[in-house]
Amino acid sequence: MQTLDAAEAPVRSRRRVALGRLVFWIAAIGVVALDQATKAIVRGTMNVGDAWPDGWPVNIRYVTNTGAAFGSLQNATTFLIAMSLIGLAAIYVYYRNPPFHHWLASVGIGMMLGGAVGNLIDRVRLGRVTDFIHFPHWPNFNVADSSIFVGVAIILAGYLLFGETKPASSPALPTEPHEDAPADG
């Protein structure tokens, strides 16, 4: 006869999986929506090169990027779209096989997916990515870029905090005496 706890375990497991999926999709869709909304506002209210507030070290500065991170691979849009699609596939595989089972993994992976989709939308629609967050001595970035970075940080922190750890292995002790071992007694 099964105990009540043993009978409820599959139900709790299904609920946990459903919650993880819900959190994943909320994070991904939320990032895409916020990313696209902020980029549309910047494109609709500013000219390329404009900064607001003017003279502040941290501001909104509208720039476009036809390359990848830190301005690398300029004008390689087709290649970057192909790499983005491969990246999306990798994120999906990672989502299906997370390094640890916790809702934080779903949030982090969802943020990574949303960020990748947000920048992919720009590349496909415009041929370039809209960047607007500006810190001194750092390339401009956007909500999608931030979400990818924060998603990776969440995964790393979650893995360190909630990842499954294996006990340190100790040398195996023989159960049978070795033929060269001295006899007891």
N, C-alpha and C. Protein backbone atom coordinates (compact mmCIF):
# COMPACT_ATOMS: atom_id res chain seq x y z
N MET A 1 0.84 -1.18 0.00
CA MET A 1 0.00 0.00 0.00
C MET A 1 0.88 1.24 0.00
N GLN A 2 0.53 2.26 -0.82
CA GLN A 2 1.29 3.49 -0.90
C GLN A 2 0.88 4.44 0.20
N THR A 3 1.86 5.15 0.72
CA THR A 3 1.53 6.18 1.70
C THR A 3 0.98 7.39 0.97
N LEU A 4 0.35 8.28 1.71
CA LEU A 4 -0.22 9.48 1.14
C LEU A 4 0.87 10.34 0.49
N ASP A 5 2.02 10.46 1.14
CA ASP A 5 3.12 11.27 0.60
C ASP A 5 3.63 10.69 -0.71
N ALA A 6 3.74 9.37 -0.79
CA ALA A 6 4.22 8.74 -2.02
C ALA A 6 3.21 8.94 -3.15
N ALA A 7 1.94 8.93 -2.85
CA ALA A 7 0.92 9.13 -3.88
C ALA A 7 0.88 10.58 -4.35
N GLU A 8 1.18 11.53 -3.48
CA GLU A 8 1.16 12.95 -3.84
C GLU A 8 2.43 13.39 -4.56
N ALA A 9 3.51 12.62 -4.48
CA ALA A 9 4.78 13.01 -5.09
C ALA A 9 4.66 13.25 -6.59
N PRO A 10 4.01 12.38 -7.38
CA PRO A 10 3.88 12.67 -8.82
C PRO A 10 3.08 13.94 -9.10
N VAL A 11 2.06 14.20 -8.29
CA VAL A 11 1.24 15.40 -8.47
C VAL A 11 2.09 16.64 -8.20
N ARG A 12 2.87 16.62 -7.12
CA ARG A 12 3.76 17.76 -6.81
C ARG A 12 4.80 17.93 -7.89
N SER A 13 5.30 16.84 -8.42
CA SER A 13 6.31 16.92 -9.47
C SER A 13 5.72 17.55 -10.73
N ARG A 14 4.49 17.14 -11.10
CA ARG A 14 3.84 17.73 -12.27
C ARG A 14 3.56 19.22 -12.05
N ARG A 15 3.17 19.58 -10.85
CA ARG A 15 2.92 21.00 -10.54
C ARG A 15 4.21 21.80 -10.64
N ARG A 16 5.30 21.24 -10.15
CA ARG A 16 6.59 21.92 -10.20
C ARG A 16 7.03 22.13 -11.65
N VAL A 17 6.83 21.11 -12.49
CA VAL A 17 7.18 21.23 -13.91
C VAL A 17 6.30 22.29 -14.57
N ALA A 18 5.00 22.29 -14.27
CA ALA A 18 4.09 23.27 -14.86
C ALA A 18 4.45 24.68 -14.40
N LEU A 19 4.79 24.85 -13.13
CA LEU A 19 5.20 26.15 -12.62
C LEU A 19 6.49 26.61 -13.30
N GLY A 20 7.44 25.70 -13.46
CA GLY A 20 8.69 26.05 -14.14
C GLY A 20 8.46 26.51 -15.57
N ARG A 21 7.57 25.83 -16.28
CA ARG A 21 7.25 26.23 -17.65
C ARG A 21 6.58 27.60 -17.68
N LEU A 22 5.65 27.82 -16.76
CA LEU A 22 4.95 29.09 -16.69
C LEU A 22 5.94 30.23 -16.42
N VAL A 23 6.81 30.04 -15.44
CA VAL A 23 7.81 31.05 -15.09
C VAL A 23 8.75 31.30 -16.27
N PHE A 24 9.16 30.24 -16.96
CA PHE A 24 10.03 30.35 -18.13
C PHE A 24 9.38 31.23 -19.19
N TRP A 25 8.13 30.93 -19.56
CA TRP A 25 7.46 31.68 -20.61
C TRP A 25 7.13 33.10 -20.19
N ILE A 26 6.77 33.31 -18.94
CA ILE A 26 6.52 34.68 -18.46
C ILE A 26 7.80 35.50 -18.56
N ALA A 27 8.93 34.93 -18.14
CA ALA A 27 10.21 35.64 -18.22
C ALA A 27 10.57 35.94 -19.67
N ALA A 28 10.47 34.96 -20.54
CA ALA A 28 10.85 35.14 -21.94
C ALA A 28 9.96 36.18 -22.63
N ILE A 29 8.66 36.04 -22.50
CA ILE A 29 7.73 36.96 -23.16
C ILE A 29 7.84 38.36 -22.55
N GLY A 30 8.00 38.42 -21.24
CA GLY A 30 8.16 39.72 -20.58
C GLY A 30 9.39 40.46 -21.06
N VAL A 31 10.50 39.75 -21.22
CA VAL A 31 11.73 40.39 -21.70
C VAL A 31 11.55 40.87 -23.14
N VAL A 32 10.98 40.03 -24.00
CA VAL A 32 10.77 40.45 -25.40
C VAL A 32 9.89 41.70 -25.44
N ALA A 33 8.79 41.70 -24.68
CA ALA A 33 7.87 42.84 -24.69
C ALA A 33 8.55 44.11 -24.17
N LEU A 34 9.26 44.02 -23.06
CA LEU A 34 9.95 45.19 -22.50
C LEU A 34 11.05 45.67 -23.44
N ASP A 35 11.80 44.74 -24.01
CA ASP A 35 12.88 45.10 -24.92
C ASP A 35 12.33 45.83 -26.14
N GLN A 36 11.33 45.25 -26.78
CA GLN A 36 10.78 45.86 -27.99
C GLN A 36 10.09 47.20 -27.69
N ALA A 37 9.42 47.30 -26.55
CA ALA A 37 8.76 48.57 -26.18
C ALA A 37 9.79 49.67 -25.94
N THR A 38 10.86 49.37 -25.20
CA THR A 38 11.86 50.41 -24.93
C THR A 38 12.58 50.83 -26.21
N LYS A 39 12.87 49.88 -27.09
CA LYS A 39 13.52 50.22 -28.35
C LYS A 39 12.60 51.07 -29.22
N ALA A 40 11.31 50.75 -29.25
CA ALA A 40 10.36 51.53 -30.04
C ALA A 40 10.26 52.96 -29.50
N ILE A 41 10.26 53.12 -28.20
CA ILE A 41 10.21 54.46 -27.61
C ILE A 41 11.45 55.26 -28.00
N VAL A 42 12.62 54.63 -27.89
CA VAL A 42 13.86 55.32 -28.25
C VAL A 42 13.86 55.69 -29.73
N ARG A 43 13.50 54.74 -30.60
CA ARG A 43 13.48 55.03 -32.04
C ARG A 43 12.44 56.09 -32.39
N GLY A 44 11.33 56.13 -31.66
CA GLY A 44 10.26 57.08 -31.96
C GLY A 44 10.47 58.47 -31.40
N THR A 45 11.33 58.61 -30.41
CA THR A 45 11.49 59.91 -29.75
C THR A 45 12.88 60.53 -29.91
N MET A 46 13.83 59.78 -30.43
CA MET A 46 15.20 60.28 -30.53
C MET A 46 15.75 60.05 -31.94
N ASN A 47 16.75 60.83 -32.27
CA ASN A 47 17.51 60.61 -33.50
C ASN A 47 18.77 59.84 -33.14
N VAL A 48 19.29 59.06 -34.08
CA VAL A 48 20.52 58.32 -33.83
C VAL A 48 21.61 59.30 -33.41
N GLY A 49 22.29 58.99 -32.32
CA GLY A 49 23.35 59.85 -31.79
C GLY A 49 22.89 60.76 -30.67
N ASP A 50 21.58 60.98 -30.52
CA ASP A 50 21.08 61.83 -29.44
C ASP A 50 21.30 61.18 -28.09
N ALA A 51 21.50 62.02 -27.08
CA ALA A 51 21.65 61.53 -25.69
C ALA A 51 20.70 62.31 -24.79
N TRP A 52 20.14 61.61 -23.82
CA TRP A 52 19.26 62.24 -22.85
C TRP A 52 19.46 61.60 -21.49
N PRO A 53 19.57 62.30 -20.42
CA PRO A 53 19.79 63.74 -20.35
C PRO A 53 21.20 64.07 -20.81
N ASP A 54 21.31 65.17 -21.52
CA ASP A 54 22.58 65.58 -22.10
C ASP A 54 23.57 65.97 -21.00
N GLY A 55 24.81 65.47 -21.14
CA GLY A 55 25.85 65.82 -20.19
C GLY A 55 25.96 64.90 -18.98
N TRP A 56 25.05 63.99 -18.82
CA TRP A 56 25.11 63.07 -17.69
C TRP A 56 26.01 61.90 -18.06
N PRO A 57 26.75 61.35 -17.10
CA PRO A 57 27.62 60.21 -17.43
C PRO A 57 26.83 58.95 -17.79
N VAL A 58 25.74 58.71 -17.10
CA VAL A 58 24.87 57.58 -17.42
C VAL A 58 23.61 58.15 -18.05
N ASN A 59 23.34 57.74 -19.28
CA ASN A 59 22.18 58.32 -19.95
C ASN A 59 21.66 57.36 -21.02
N ILE A 60 20.64 57.85 -21.70
CA ILE A 60 20.10 57.13 -22.85
C ILE A 60 20.74 57.75 -24.08
N ARG A 61 21.47 56.96 -24.82
CA ARG A 61 22.13 57.43 -26.04
C ARG A 61 21.76 56.45 -27.15
N TYR A 62 21.03 56.94 -28.12
CA TYR A 62 20.51 56.11 -29.21
C TYR A 62 21.61 55.84 -30.23
N VAL A 63 21.98 54.56 -30.33
CA VAL A 63 22.92 54.11 -31.35
C VAL A 63 22.37 52.83 -31.97
N THR A 64 22.90 52.48 -33.13
CA THR A 64 22.54 51.20 -33.73
C THR A 64 23.81 50.38 -33.90
N ASN A 65 23.62 49.08 -33.94
CA ASN A 65 24.75 48.17 -34.01
C ASN A 65 24.43 47.09 -35.05
N THR A 66 25.23 47.05 -36.11
CA THR A 66 25.05 46.00 -37.12
C THR A 66 25.89 44.78 -36.80
N GLY A 67 26.60 44.83 -35.67
CA GLY A 67 27.47 43.72 -35.30
C GLY A 67 26.96 43.00 -34.06
N ALA A 68 27.90 42.36 -33.40
CA ALA A 68 27.59 41.60 -32.19
C ALA A 68 28.06 42.38 -30.97
N ALA A 69 28.28 41.68 -29.88
CA ALA A 69 28.70 42.31 -28.63
C ALA A 69 29.99 43.10 -28.81
N PHE A 70 30.04 44.25 -28.16
CA PHE A 70 31.21 45.12 -28.17
C PHE A 70 31.57 45.58 -29.58
N GLY A 71 30.60 45.61 -30.48
CA GLY A 71 30.83 46.11 -31.83
C GLY A 71 31.59 45.16 -32.75
N SER A 72 31.76 43.92 -32.34
CA SER A 72 32.47 42.97 -33.20
C SER A 72 31.55 42.49 -34.33
N LEU A 73 32.13 41.97 -35.39
CA LEU A 73 31.40 41.40 -36.54
C LEU A 73 30.44 42.41 -37.18
N GLN A 74 30.87 43.63 -37.38
CA GLN A 74 30.04 44.65 -38.02
C GLN A 74 29.60 44.20 -39.41
N ASN A 75 28.36 44.51 -39.76
CA ASN A 75 27.76 44.24 -41.07
C ASN A 75 27.74 42.75 -41.42
N ALA A 76 27.64 41.91 -40.43
CA ALA A 76 27.55 40.46 -40.65
C ALA A 76 26.15 39.98 -40.24
N THR A 77 25.12 40.70 -40.68
CA THR A 77 23.75 40.44 -40.24
C THR A 77 23.29 39.02 -40.53
N THR A 78 23.52 38.52 -41.73
CA THR A 78 23.08 37.16 -42.08
C THR A 78 23.75 36.14 -41.18
N PHE A 79 25.03 36.28 -40.97
CA PHE A 79 25.77 35.37 -40.09
C PHE A 79 25.23 35.47 -38.66
N LEU A 80 24.97 36.68 -38.19
CA LEU A 80 24.48 36.87 -36.82
C LEU A 80 23.07 36.32 -36.65
N ILE A 81 22.24 36.41 -37.67
CA ILE A 81 20.90 35.81 -37.61
C ILE A 81 21.03 34.30 -37.51
N ALA A 82 21.90 33.71 -38.32
CA ALA A 82 22.11 32.25 -38.26
C ALA A 82 22.63 31.84 -36.89
N MET A 83 23.58 32.60 -36.35
CA MET A 83 24.12 32.28 -35.02
C MET A 83 23.05 32.45 -33.94
N SER A 84 22.18 33.44 -34.11
CA SER A 84 21.09 33.63 -33.15
C SER A 84 20.14 32.44 -33.15
N LEU A 85 19.84 31.92 -34.33
CA LEU A 85 18.96 30.75 -34.41
C LEU A 85 19.61 29.53 -33.75
N ILE A 86 20.91 29.36 -33.95
CA ILE A 86 21.63 28.28 -33.28
C ILE A 86 21.61 28.50 -31.77
N GLY A 87 21.80 29.76 -31.36
CA GLY A 87 21.74 30.10 -29.93
C GLY A 87 20.38 29.80 -29.33
N LEU A 88 19.31 30.12 -30.08
CA LEU A 88 17.96 29.82 -29.59
C LEU A 88 17.77 28.32 -29.42
N ALA A 89 18.28 27.54 -30.36
CA ALA A 89 18.18 26.08 -30.23
C ALA A 89 18.95 25.60 -29.00
N ALA A 90 20.12 26.17 -28.77
CA ALA A 90 20.92 25.79 -27.59
C ALA A 90 20.20 26.16 -26.30
N ILE A 91 19.56 27.32 -26.28
CA ILE A 91 18.81 27.74 -25.09
C ILE A 91 17.65 26.77 -24.85
N TYR A 92 16.98 26.34 -25.92
CA TYR A 92 15.87 25.39 -25.77
C TYR A 92 16.37 24.06 -25.20
N VAL A 93 17.48 23.57 -25.72
CA VAL A 93 18.05 22.32 -25.20
C VAL A 93 18.42 22.49 -23.73
N TYR A 94 19.00 23.62 -23.40
CA TYR A 94 19.37 23.90 -22.01
C TYR A 94 18.12 23.97 -21.13
N TYR A 95 17.04 24.55 -21.66
CA TYR A 95 15.78 24.63 -20.93
C TYR A 95 15.22 23.23 -20.66
N ARG A 96 15.34 22.34 -21.64
CA ARG A 96 14.83 20.98 -21.47
C ARG A 96 15.70 20.13 -20.55
N ASN A 97 16.96 20.52 -20.37
CA ASN A 97 17.89 19.76 -19.53
C ASN A 97 18.64 20.71 -18.60
N PRO A 98 17.93 21.34 -17.66
CA PRO A 98 18.59 22.35 -16.82
C PRO A 98 19.66 21.73 -15.91
N PRO A 99 20.63 22.55 -15.51
CA PRO A 99 21.69 22.04 -14.65
C PRO A 99 21.20 21.75 -13.23
N PHE A 100 20.05 22.31 -12.88
CA PHE A 100 19.44 22.05 -11.57
C PHE A 100 17.95 22.32 -11.72
N HIS A 101 17.16 21.69 -10.87
CA HIS A 101 15.71 21.83 -10.98
C HIS A 101 15.23 22.79 -9.90
N HIS A 102 15.05 24.02 -10.29
CA HIS A 102 14.59 25.07 -9.40
C HIS A 102 13.95 26.14 -10.27
N TRP A 103 12.98 26.86 -9.75
CA TRP A 103 12.32 27.88 -10.55
C TRP A 103 13.29 28.96 -11.01
N LEU A 104 14.39 29.17 -10.29
CA LEU A 104 15.38 30.15 -10.72
C LEU A 104 15.99 29.79 -12.07
N ALA A 105 16.17 28.50 -12.31
CA ALA A 105 16.69 28.08 -13.62
C ALA A 105 15.73 28.48 -14.71
N SER A 106 14.43 28.33 -14.47
CA SER A 106 13.43 28.72 -15.46
C SER A 106 13.45 30.21 -15.71
N VAL A 107 13.62 31.01 -14.67
CA VAL A 107 13.70 32.46 -14.84
C VAL A 107 14.93 32.83 -15.67
N GLY A 108 16.09 32.31 -15.29
CA GLY A 108 17.33 32.65 -15.99
C GLY A 108 17.31 32.23 -17.44
N ILE A 109 16.87 31.02 -17.72
CA ILE A 109 16.83 30.54 -19.10
C ILE A 109 15.78 31.31 -19.90
N GLY A 110 14.66 31.63 -19.27
CA GLY A 110 13.64 32.44 -19.94
C GLY A 110 14.16 33.83 -20.29
N MET A 111 14.93 34.43 -19.39
CA MET A 111 15.52 35.75 -19.67
C MET A 111 16.51 35.67 -20.82
N MET A 112 17.29 34.60 -20.86
CA MET A 112 18.23 34.42 -21.96
C MET A 112 17.48 34.28 -23.29
N LEU A 113 16.42 33.47 -23.30
CA LEU A 113 15.64 33.29 -24.51
C LEU A 113 15.01 34.62 -24.95
N GLY A 114 14.40 35.33 -24.02
CA GLY A 114 13.77 36.61 -24.35
C GLY A 114 14.77 37.62 -24.91
N GLY A 115 15.95 37.68 -24.32
CA GLY A 115 16.98 38.59 -24.82
C GLY A 115 17.44 38.23 -26.22
N ALA A 116 17.65 36.94 -26.45
CA ALA A 116 18.08 36.49 -27.78
C ALA A 116 16.99 36.78 -28.83
N VAL A 117 15.74 36.55 -28.48
CA VAL A 117 14.63 36.82 -29.41
C VAL A 117 14.51 38.33 -29.66
N GLY A 118 14.64 39.13 -28.61
CA GLY A 118 14.52 40.59 -28.77
C GLY A 118 15.53 41.14 -29.76
N ASN A 119 16.79 40.73 -29.64
CA ASN A 119 17.81 41.21 -30.58
C ASN A 119 17.63 40.59 -31.97
N LEU A 120 17.15 39.35 -32.03
CA LEU A 120 16.89 38.71 -33.33
C LEU A 120 15.79 39.46 -34.08
N ILE A 121 14.77 39.89 -33.38
CA ILE A 121 13.69 40.66 -34.02
C ILE A 121 14.27 41.91 -34.67
N ASP A 122 15.14 42.62 -33.96
CA ASP A 122 15.77 43.82 -34.54
C ASP A 122 16.58 43.48 -35.78
N ARG A 123 17.38 42.43 -35.70
CA ARG A 123 18.23 42.07 -36.85
C ARG A 123 17.40 41.72 -38.08
N VAL A 124 16.32 40.97 -37.87
CA VAL A 124 15.48 40.56 -39.00
C VAL A 124 14.70 41.75 -39.55
N ARG A 125 14.09 42.55 -38.67
CA ARG A 125 13.26 43.68 -39.11
C ARG A 125 14.06 44.85 -39.65
N LEU A 126 15.16 45.19 -38.94
CA LEU A 126 15.87 46.44 -39.24
C LEU A 126 17.27 46.24 -39.81
N GLY A 127 17.82 45.04 -39.68
CA GLY A 127 19.19 44.80 -40.12
C GLY A 127 20.23 45.29 -39.13
N ARG A 128 19.78 45.75 -37.97
CA ARG A 128 20.67 46.27 -36.92
C ARG A 128 19.93 46.22 -35.59
N VAL A 129 20.68 46.29 -34.51
CA VAL A 129 20.10 46.27 -33.17
C VAL A 129 20.11 47.69 -32.61
N THR A 130 19.01 48.08 -31.99
CA THR A 130 18.93 49.38 -31.33
C THR A 130 19.50 49.25 -29.92
N ASP A 131 20.52 50.04 -29.63
CA ASP A 131 21.12 50.10 -28.30
C ASP A 131 20.92 51.50 -27.75
N PHE A 132 20.74 51.62 -26.43
CA PHE A 132 20.47 52.96 -25.91
C PHE A 132 20.93 53.18 -24.47
N ILE A 133 21.26 52.17 -23.73
CA ILE A 133 21.73 52.38 -22.35
C ILE A 133 23.22 52.65 -22.42
N HIS A 134 23.64 53.79 -21.87
CA HIS A 134 25.04 54.21 -21.99
C HIS A 134 25.66 54.46 -20.62
N PHE A 135 26.75 53.75 -20.36
CA PHE A 135 27.60 53.98 -19.19
C PHE A 135 28.95 54.43 -19.72
N PRO A 136 29.66 55.27 -18.96
CA PRO A 136 30.98 55.70 -19.44
C PRO A 136 31.92 54.51 -19.61
N HIS A 137 32.73 54.56 -20.63
CA HIS A 137 33.76 53.55 -20.90
C HIS A 137 33.18 52.15 -21.11
N TRP A 138 31.97 52.08 -21.62
CA TRP A 138 31.33 50.79 -21.85
C TRP A 138 30.46 50.92 -23.10
N PRO A 139 30.43 49.91 -23.96
CA PRO A 139 29.56 50.01 -25.15
C PRO A 139 28.09 50.11 -24.76
N ASN A 140 27.32 50.80 -25.59
CA ASN A 140 25.88 50.89 -25.34
C ASN A 140 25.26 49.51 -25.42
N PHE A 141 24.14 49.34 -24.72
CA PHE A 141 23.44 48.06 -24.71
C PHE A 141 21.96 48.32 -24.57
N ASN A 142 21.17 47.27 -24.47
CA ASN A 142 19.72 47.39 -24.39
C ASN A 142 19.15 46.40 -23.38
N VAL A 143 17.83 46.36 -23.29
CA VAL A 143 17.17 45.46 -22.34
C VAL A 143 17.48 44.00 -22.66
N ALA A 144 17.50 43.65 -23.94
CA ALA A 144 17.79 42.26 -24.34
C ALA A 144 19.18 41.85 -23.89
N ASP A 145 20.18 42.71 -24.13
CA ASP A 145 21.55 42.41 -23.71
C ASP A 145 21.62 42.23 -22.20
N SER A 146 20.97 43.14 -21.48
CA SER A 146 20.96 43.06 -20.01
C SER A 146 20.32 41.77 -19.54
N SER A 147 19.23 41.38 -20.19
CA SER A 147 18.51 40.17 -19.78
C SER A 147 19.34 38.92 -20.00
N ILE A 148 20.09 38.89 -21.09
CA ILE A 148 20.97 37.74 -21.33
C ILE A 148 22.02 37.67 -20.23
N PHE A 149 22.62 38.80 -19.91
CA PHE A 149 23.65 38.84 -18.86
C PHE A 149 23.07 38.43 -17.51
N VAL A 150 21.93 39.01 -17.14
CA VAL A 150 21.31 38.70 -15.84
C VAL A 150 20.85 37.24 -15.82
N GLY A 151 20.32 36.74 -16.93
CA GLY A 151 19.91 35.33 -17.00
C GLY A 151 21.07 34.39 -16.74
N VAL A 152 22.21 34.66 -17.37
CA VAL A 152 23.41 33.83 -17.13
C VAL A 152 23.83 33.93 -15.67
N ALA A 153 23.81 35.13 -15.11
CA ALA A 153 24.19 35.32 -13.70
C ALA A 153 23.25 34.54 -12.77
N ILE A 154 21.95 34.57 -13.07
CA ILE A 154 20.98 33.82 -12.26
C ILE A 154 21.28 32.33 -12.33
N ILE A 155 21.56 31.84 -13.52
CA ILE A 155 21.84 30.40 -13.69
C ILE A 155 23.09 30.03 -12.88
N LEU A 156 24.14 30.82 -13.00
CA LEU A 156 25.38 30.52 -12.27
C LEU A 156 25.15 30.56 -10.76
N ALA A 157 24.47 31.61 -10.28
CA ALA A 157 24.20 31.72 -8.85
C ALA A 157 23.29 30.58 -8.39
N GLY A 158 22.26 30.28 -9.17
CA GLY A 158 21.36 29.19 -8.81
C GLY A 158 22.06 27.85 -8.79
N TYR A 159 22.95 27.64 -9.75
CA TYR A 159 23.69 26.38 -9.78
C TYR A 159 24.56 26.25 -8.53
N LEU A 160 25.21 27.35 -8.16
CA LEU A 160 26.06 27.31 -6.97
C LEU A 160 25.24 27.10 -5.70
N LEU A 161 24.05 27.70 -5.64
CA LEU A 161 23.22 27.60 -4.44
C LEU A 161 22.35 26.35 -4.39
N PHE A 162 21.82 25.94 -5.56
CA PHE A 162 20.82 24.87 -5.56
C PHE A 162 21.22 23.66 -6.39
N GLY A 163 22.39 23.70 -7.00
CA GLY A 163 22.82 22.57 -7.83
C GLY A 163 23.03 21.33 -6.99
N GLU A 164 22.82 20.21 -7.63
CA GLU A 164 23.01 18.94 -6.94
C GLU A 164 24.49 18.71 -6.72
N THR A 165 24.84 18.43 -5.50
CA THR A 165 26.24 18.15 -5.19
C THR A 165 26.38 16.68 -4.87
N LYS A 166 27.47 16.13 -5.31
CA LYS A 166 27.76 14.73 -5.02
C LYS A 166 28.74 14.69 -3.86
N PRO A 167 28.55 13.75 -2.93
CA PRO A 167 29.49 13.69 -1.82
C PRO A 167 30.90 13.37 -2.34
N ALA A 168 31.87 13.89 -1.63
CA ALA A 168 33.26 13.64 -2.01
C ALA A 168 33.50 12.14 -1.95
N SER A 169 34.11 11.63 -3.00
CA SER A 169 34.33 10.19 -3.03
C SER A 169 35.58 9.85 -2.21
N SER A 170 35.44 8.82 -1.45
CA SER A 170 36.59 8.35 -0.67
C SER A 170 37.10 7.08 -1.34
N PRO A 171 38.34 6.76 -1.12
CA PRO A 171 38.87 5.54 -1.74
C PRO A 171 38.04 4.34 -1.32
N ALA A 172 37.76 3.50 -2.29
CA ALA A 172 36.95 2.32 -2.00
C ALA A 172 37.74 1.37 -1.11
N LEU A 173 37.08 0.89 -0.11
CA LEU A 173 37.70 -0.09 0.78
C LEU A 173 37.35 -1.47 0.28
N PRO A 174 38.32 -2.34 0.17
CA PRO A 174 38.03 -3.69 -0.34
C PRO A 174 37.14 -4.43 0.65
N THR A 175 36.20 -5.16 0.08
CA THR A 175 35.32 -5.97 0.92
C THR A 175 35.90 -7.36 1.12
N GLU A 176 36.68 -7.79 0.19
CA GLU A 176 37.35 -9.08 0.30
C GLU A 176 38.83 -8.82 0.54
N PRO A 177 39.45 -9.57 1.40
CA PRO A 177 40.89 -9.37 1.59
C PRO A 177 41.64 -9.72 0.32
N HIS A 178 42.63 -8.88 0.01
CA HIS A 178 43.47 -9.10 -1.15
C HIS A 178 44.37 -10.28 -0.85
N GLU A 179 44.73 -11.06 -1.86
CA GLU A 179 45.52 -12.28 -1.61
C GLU A 179 46.90 -11.97 -1.02
N ASP A 180 47.42 -10.75 -1.26
CA ASP A 180 48.73 -10.39 -0.71
C ASP A 180 48.60 -9.78 0.69
N ALA A 181 47.37 -9.55 1.16
CA ALA A 181 47.19 -8.92 2.46
C ALA A 181 47.53 -9.90 3.56
N PRO A 182 48.14 -9.40 4.65
CA PRO A 182 48.46 -10.32 5.76
C PRO A 182 47.18 -10.85 6.40
N ALA A 183 47.25 -12.04 6.87
CA ALA A 183 46.11 -12.67 7.51
C ALA A 183 45.91 -12.09 8.89
N ASP A 184 44.62 -11.96 9.30
CA ASP A 184 44.31 -11.49 10.65
C ASP A 184 44.54 -12.63 11.61
N GLY A 185 45.06 -12.29 12.72
CA GLY A 185 45.08 -13.23 13.78
C GLY A 185 46.29 -13.89 14.03
